[in-house]
Amino acid sequence: MTPRKYELIGEPRGDGLRRIRALVAIGDDVSPGDTGGWVQSEANLSHAGDAWVRDNAQVRDNAQVRDNAQVRDNAQVYGSAQVYGSAQVYGEAWVSDNARVYGDAWVFDDSWVYGDARVHGDARVHGDARVCFGHLPRNLREIGEDDE
């Protein structure tokens, strides 16, 4: 059995989410006692690997974050979505439904990945981009607004 790397703290909010607190060092920047983001249950965030939910990010329903994936800022992962590998979801981004974000993919800014979408490899989804019902493969590296 994998040792626990975090605990749920405090009473659930009105939406059922609880904040997490690290029990051990996670990666290079989470120390024991550091407070993380919000999850509905321990099923939302794996105790294996360096996966972490931080800031005001939320993971709920049957969604899962695992491996070395990071969800931060005000990002939300919900439904049956999965974020794994070394993927990152941050800013105001949403990943929902049956979507998968994995590999070294990043979803950020105000972008949404939903439906049965798959974003993987080195893909970047940002700006106000919307990806649904398909794949954003590694050879299509970026979708979103220019940063200029």
Protein backbone atom coordinates (compact mmCIF):
# COMPACT_ATOMS: atom_id res chain seq x y z
CA MET A 1 0.00 0.00 0.00
CA THR A 2 1.24 3.48 -0.88
CA PRO A 3 1.92 5.67 2.18
CA ARG A 4 -0.32 8.71 2.58
CA LYS A 5 1.29 11.92 1.38
CA TYR A 6 -1.52 14.28 2.42
CA GLU A 7 -4.55 14.54 4.67
CA LEU A 8 -7.93 16.22 4.36
CA ILE A 9 -8.30 19.04 6.87
CA GLY A 10 -11.25 20.93 8.29
CA GLU A 11 -14.91 20.35 7.75
CA PRO A 12 -16.22 20.10 4.18
CA ARG A 13 -17.37 23.36 2.60
CA GLY A 14 -20.95 23.65 1.42
CA ASP A 15 -19.96 22.06 -1.89
CA GLY A 16 -18.35 19.09 -0.11
CA LEU A 17 -14.75 20.06 -0.85
CA ARG A 18 -12.00 19.90 1.76
CA ARG A 19 -8.55 21.42 1.78
CA ILE A 20 -5.49 19.17 1.75
CA ARG A 21 -2.27 19.36 3.79
CA ALA A 22 1.01 17.63 2.90
CA LEU A 23 2.26 14.99 5.33
CA VAL A 24 5.59 14.53 3.51
CA ALA A 25 7.75 16.46 1.06
CA ILE A 26 6.26 16.30 -2.44
CA GLY A 27 8.57 17.19 -5.29
CA ASP A 28 10.89 20.13 -4.80
CA ASP A 29 8.41 22.72 -3.57
CA VAL A 30 5.89 21.13 -1.18
CA SER A 31 7.01 20.59 2.42
CA PRO A 32 5.28 18.67 5.19
CA GLY A 33 2.56 20.89 6.64
CA ASP A 34 2.04 22.92 3.46
CA THR A 35 -1.62 23.52 2.67
CA GLY A 36 -2.81 22.60 -0.79
CA GLY A 37 -5.99 23.09 -2.79
CA TRP A 38 -9.41 21.48 -2.55
CA VAL A 39 -10.61 17.92 -3.19
CA GLN A 40 -13.89 16.16 -2.60
CA SER A 41 -12.24 12.92 -1.45
CA GLU A 42 -8.91 11.13 -1.37
CA ALA A 43 -9.99 9.36 -4.58
CA ASN A 44 -9.41 12.68 -6.41
CA LEU A 45 -5.65 12.91 -5.72
CA SER A 46 -3.29 9.94 -5.77
CA HIS A 47 -0.98 9.33 -2.83
CA ALA A 48 1.62 7.92 -5.26
CA GLY A 49 4.03 10.12 -7.22
CA ASP A 50 4.39 13.89 -6.91
CA ALA A 51 0.89 14.87 -8.09
CA TRP A 52 -0.44 17.88 -6.17
CA VAL A 53 -3.37 20.28 -6.05
CA ARG A 54 -2.43 23.72 -4.78
CA ASP A 55 -3.70 27.26 -4.24
CA ASN A 56 -7.49 27.44 -4.76
CA ALA A 57 -7.60 24.71 -7.40
CA GLN A 58 -10.43 22.19 -7.08
CA VAL A 59 -10.76 18.50 -8.00
CA ARG A 60 -14.14 16.89 -7.44
CA ASP A 61 -16.68 14.27 -8.50
CA ASN A 62 -14.89 11.24 -10.00
CA ALA A 63 -12.00 13.30 -11.39
CA GLN A 64 -8.46 12.14 -10.72
CA VAL A 65 -5.03 13.75 -10.56
CA ARG A 66 -2.11 11.33 -10.41
CA ASP A 67 1.53 10.57 -11.27
CA ASN A 68 3.38 13.93 -11.30
CA ALA A 69 0.54 16.12 -12.55
CA GLN A 70 -0.09 19.56 -11.04
CA VAL A 71 -3.36 21.49 -10.70
CA ARG A 72 -3.01 25.01 -9.33
CA ASP A 73 -4.26 28.60 -9.16
CA ASN A 74 -8.07 28.58 -9.64
CA ALA A 75 -8.18 25.63 -12.05
CA GLN A 76 -10.95 23.05 -11.79
CA VAL A 77 -10.95 19.35 -12.67
CA TYR A 78 -14.30 17.59 -12.35
CA GLY A 79 -16.72 15.03 -13.74
CA SER A 80 -14.68 11.94 -14.65
CA ALA A 81 -11.72 13.92 -16.03
CA GLN A 82 -8.16 12.73 -15.52
CA VAL A 83 -4.93 14.70 -15.33
CA TYR A 84 -1.80 12.57 -15.20
CA GLY A 85 1.79 12.08 -16.28
CA SER A 86 3.55 15.44 -15.89
CA ALA A 87 0.57 17.47 -17.12
CA GLN A 88 -0.28 20.88 -15.68
CA VAL A 89 -3.65 22.60 -15.37
CA TYR A 90 -3.59 26.16 -14.04
CA GLY A 91 -4.91 29.69 -14.20
CA GLU A 92 -8.70 29.64 -14.58
CA ALA A 93 -8.69 26.50 -16.76
CA TRP A 94 -11.32 23.75 -16.55
CA VAL A 95 -10.95 20.06 -17.41
CA SER A 96 -14.23 18.17 -17.18
CA ASP A 97 -16.50 15.37 -18.34
CA ASN A 98 -14.38 12.43 -19.61
CA ALA A 99 -11.46 14.58 -20.79
CA ARG A 100 -7.87 13.47 -20.34
CA VAL A 101 -4.81 15.74 -20.05
CA TYR A 102 -1.56 13.82 -19.87
CA GLY A 103 2.08 13.54 -20.84
CA ASP A 104 3.68 16.98 -20.65
CA ALA A 105 0.56 18.85 -21.78
CA TRP A 106 -0.44 22.19 -20.23
CA VAL A 107 -3.96 23.62 -20.05
CA PHE A 108 -4.02 27.19 -18.74
CA ASP A 109 -5.47 30.71 -18.86
CA ASP A 110 -9.27 30.54 -19.37
CA SER A 111 -9.22 27.44 -21.56
CA TRP A 112 -11.55 24.44 -21.26
CA VAL A 113 -10.95 20.82 -22.15
CA TYR A 114 -14.15 18.77 -21.95
CA GLY A 115 -16.29 16.03 -23.44
CA ASP A 116 -14.10 13.13 -24.55
CA ALA A 117 -11.15 15.36 -25.45
CA ARG A 118 -7.57 14.14 -25.15
CA VAL A 119 -4.72 16.64 -24.79
CA HIS A 120 -1.30 15.03 -24.55
CA GLY A 121 2.37 15.07 -25.50
CA ASP A 122 3.77 18.60 -25.37
CA ALA A 123 0.45 20.24 -26.30
CA ARG A 124 -0.42 23.68 -24.91
CA VAL A 125 -4.05 24.84 -24.65
CA HIS A 126 -4.40 28.45 -23.51
CA GLY A 127 -6.16 31.77 -23.90
CA ASP A 128 -9.90 31.20 -24.34
CA ALA A 129 -9.40 27.95 -26.29
CA ARG A 130 -12.00 25.16 -26.10
CA VAL A 131 -11.13 21.54 -26.90
CA CYS A 132 -13.83 18.86 -26.90
CA PHE A 133 -14.63 15.46 -28.39
CA GLY A 134 -11.24 14.82 -29.93
CA HIS A 135 -7.48 14.69 -29.61
CA LEU A 136 -4.90 17.46 -29.61
CA PRO A 137 -1.92 15.30 -30.56
CA ARG A 138 1.70 15.97 -29.82
CA ASN A 139 2.43 17.08 -33.40
CA LEU A 140 -0.11 19.94 -33.02
CA ARG A 141 1.78 21.63 -30.24
CA GLU A 142 -0.36 24.63 -29.33
CA ILE A 143 -3.88 25.98 -29.55
CA GLY A 144 -4.83 29.36 -28.14
CA GLU A 145 -4.19 33.06 -28.40
CA ASP A 146 -0.78 34.53 -29.12
CA ASP A 147 0.88 35.85 -25.99
CA GLU A 148 1.83 39.11 -27.70
